[in-house]
């Protein structure tokens, strides 16, 4: 059941926020954030690598949340509404 639930969440249409920045050496990098997970950021040298790799990090995030019984947001949820 855990694997099915994990796969369900991995395949939802999360709100991805793209951006670029410079690292400490002044080299450009690309990042992806997921709006529904305010602390989620995945960085890579290129946009293509970021899109190839962010799901591995998302999977780990979701696994921990499921194991801890945390509430997992739905795509489109506004994380600011959860703040008090």
C-alpha atoms as a PDB file:
ATOM      1  CA  UNK A   1       0.000   0.000   0.000  1.00  0.00           C
ATOM      2  CA  UNK A   2       2.834   2.387   0.861  1.00  0.00           C
ATOM      3  CA  UNK A   3       4.375   2.030  -2.623  1.00  0.00           C
ATOM      4  CA  UNK A   4       1.027   2.673  -4.332  1.00  0.00           C
ATOM      5  CA  UNK A   5       0.442   5.802  -2.275  1.00  0.00           C
ATOM      6  CA  UNK A   6       3.974   7.006  -2.978  1.00  0.00           C
ATOM      7  CA  UNK A   7       3.550   6.471  -6.738  1.00  0.00           C
ATOM      8  CA  UNK A   8       0.234   8.310  -6.619  1.00  0.00           C
ATOM      9  CA  UNK A   9       1.842  11.391  -5.088  1.00  0.00           C
ATOM     10  CA  UNK A  10       4.879  11.253  -7.387  1.00  0.00           C
ATOM     11  CA  UNK A  11       2.659  11.416 -10.446  1.00  0.00           C
ATOM     12  CA  UNK A  12       0.525  14.378  -9.408  1.00  0.00           C
ATOM     13  CA  UNK A  13       0.765  17.655 -11.315  1.00  0.00           C
ATOM     14  CA  UNK A  14       2.811  19.697  -8.826  1.00  0.00           C
ATOM     15  CA  UNK A  15       3.348  23.427  -9.390  1.00  0.00           C
ATOM     16  CA  UNK A  16       6.981  23.752 -10.466  1.00  0.00           C
ATOM     17  CA  UNK A  17       8.762  27.093 -10.156  1.00  0.00           C
ATOM     18  CA  UNK A  18      11.888  27.466 -12.290  1.00  0.00           C
ATOM     19  CA  UNK A  19      14.778  29.803 -11.747  1.00  0.00           C
ATOM     20  CA  UNK A  20      18.460  30.458 -12.273  1.00  0.00           C
ATOM     21  CA  UNK A  21      21.115  31.834  -9.969  1.00  0.00           C
ATOM     22  CA  UNK A  22      24.871  31.918  -9.515  1.00  0.00           C
ATOM     23  CA  UNK A  23      26.798  29.611  -7.193  1.00  0.00           C
ATOM     24  CA  UNK A  24      29.600  30.772  -4.864  1.00  0.00           C
ATOM     25  CA  UNK A  25      32.054  30.664  -7.773  1.00  0.00           C
ATOM     26  CA  UNK A  26      29.856  32.820  -9.986  1.00  0.00           C
ATOM     27  CA  UNK A  27      28.806  29.861 -12.139  1.00  0.00           C
ATOM     28  CA  UNK A  28      25.160  29.717 -13.229  1.00  0.00           C
ATOM     29  CA  UNK A  29      22.866  26.931 -12.082  1.00  0.00           C
ATOM     30  CA  UNK A  30      19.204  26.087 -12.549  1.00  0.00           C
ATOM     31  CA  UNK A  31      16.745  25.305  -9.769  1.00  0.00           C
ATOM     32  CA  UNK A  32      13.253  23.917  -9.385  1.00  0.00           C
ATOM     33  CA  UNK A  33      10.954  24.602  -6.477  1.00  0.00           C
ATOM     34  CA  UNK A  34       7.606  22.969  -5.796  1.00  0.00           C
ATOM     35  CA  UNK A  35       5.102  25.595  -4.678  1.00  0.00           C
ATOM     36  CA  UNK A  36       3.165  23.170  -2.495  1.00  0.00           C
ATOM     37  CA  UNK A  37       6.363  22.240  -0.570  1.00  0.00           C
ATOM     38  CA  UNK A  38       7.914  25.573   0.520  1.00  0.00           C
ATOM     39  CA  UNK A  39      11.203  23.992   1.612  1.00  0.00           C
ATOM     40  CA  UNK A  40      11.702  21.946  -1.579  1.00  0.00           C
ATOM     41  CA  UNK A  41      14.467  23.083  -3.955  1.00  0.00           C
ATOM     42  CA  UNK A  42      16.434  20.985  -6.438  1.00  0.00           C
ATOM     43  CA  UNK A  43      19.497  22.460  -8.148  1.00  0.00           C
ATOM     44  CA  UNK A  44      21.469  21.327 -11.191  1.00  0.00           C
ATOM     45  CA  UNK A  45      23.892  22.768 -13.747  1.00  0.00           C
ATOM     46  CA  UNK A  46      21.232  22.761 -16.480  1.00  0.00           C
ATOM     47  CA  UNK A  47      17.478  22.928 -16.798  1.00  0.00           C
ATOM     48  CA  UNK A  48      17.451  19.463 -18.355  1.00  0.00           C
ATOM     49  CA  UNK A  49      19.398  17.929 -15.457  1.00  0.00           C
ATOM     50  CA  UNK A  50      17.086  19.614 -12.942  1.00  0.00           C
ATOM     51  CA  UNK A  51      14.012  18.135 -14.613  1.00  0.00           C
ATOM     52  CA  UNK A  52      15.697  14.727 -14.828  1.00  0.00           C
ATOM     53  CA  UNK A  53      16.631  14.702 -11.136  1.00  0.00           C
ATOM     54  CA  UNK A  54      14.059  16.530  -9.039  1.00  0.00           C
ATOM     55  CA  UNK A  55      11.722  13.528  -8.781  1.00  0.00           C
ATOM     56  CA  UNK A  56      14.362  11.546  -6.861  1.00  0.00           C
ATOM     57  CA  UNK A  57      14.407  14.254  -4.207  1.00  0.00           C
ATOM     58  CA  UNK A  58      10.611  14.542  -4.286  1.00  0.00           C
ATOM     59  CA  UNK A  59      10.354  10.778  -3.747  1.00  0.00           C
ATOM     60  CA  UNK A  60      12.574  10.972  -0.653  1.00  0.00           C
ATOM     61  CA  UNK A  61      10.587  13.929   0.677  1.00  0.00           C
ATOM     62  CA  UNK A  62       7.295  12.094   0.187  1.00  0.00           C
ATOM     63  CA  UNK A  63       8.632   8.881   1.743  1.00  0.00           C
ATOM     64  CA  UNK A  64       9.597  10.739   4.908  1.00  0.00           C
ATOM     65  CA  UNK A  65       6.269  12.574   5.029  1.00  0.00           C
ATOM     66  CA  UNK A  66       4.310   9.343   4.596  1.00  0.00           C
ATOM     67  CA  UNK A  67       6.368   7.524   7.219  1.00  0.00           C
ATOM     68  CA  UNK A  68       5.919  10.403   9.682  1.00  0.00           C
ATOM     69  CA  UNK A  69       2.186  10.700   8.976  1.00  0.00           C
ATOM     70  CA  UNK A  70       2.568  14.308   7.801  1.00  0.00           C
ATOM     71  CA  UNK A  71      -0.180  15.964   5.795  1.00  0.00           C
ATOM     72  CA  UNK A  72       0.744  15.967   2.118  1.00  0.00           C
ATOM     73  CA  UNK A  73      -0.663  18.931   0.222  1.00  0.00           C
ATOM     74  CA  UNK A  74      -2.570  18.629  -3.026  1.00  0.00           C
ATOM     75  CA  UNK A  75      -1.352  20.256  -6.234  1.00  0.00           C
ATOM     76  CA  UNK A  76      -2.587  23.827  -6.280  1.00  0.00           C
ATOM     77  CA  UNK A  77      -2.749  24.153  -2.493  1.00  0.00           C
ATOM     78  CA  UNK A  78      -1.349  27.436  -1.219  1.00  0.00           C
ATOM     79  CA  UNK A  79       1.261  26.747   1.482  1.00  0.00           C
ATOM     80  CA  UNK A  80       0.694  30.243   2.906  1.00  0.00           C
ATOM     81  CA  UNK A  81      -2.803  29.191   3.970  1.00  0.00           C
ATOM     82  CA  UNK A  82      -1.236  26.653   6.345  1.00  0.00           C
ATOM     83  CA  UNK A  83       0.749  29.329   8.209  1.00  0.00           C
ATOM     84  CA  UNK A  84      -0.669  30.849  11.359  1.00  0.00           C
END
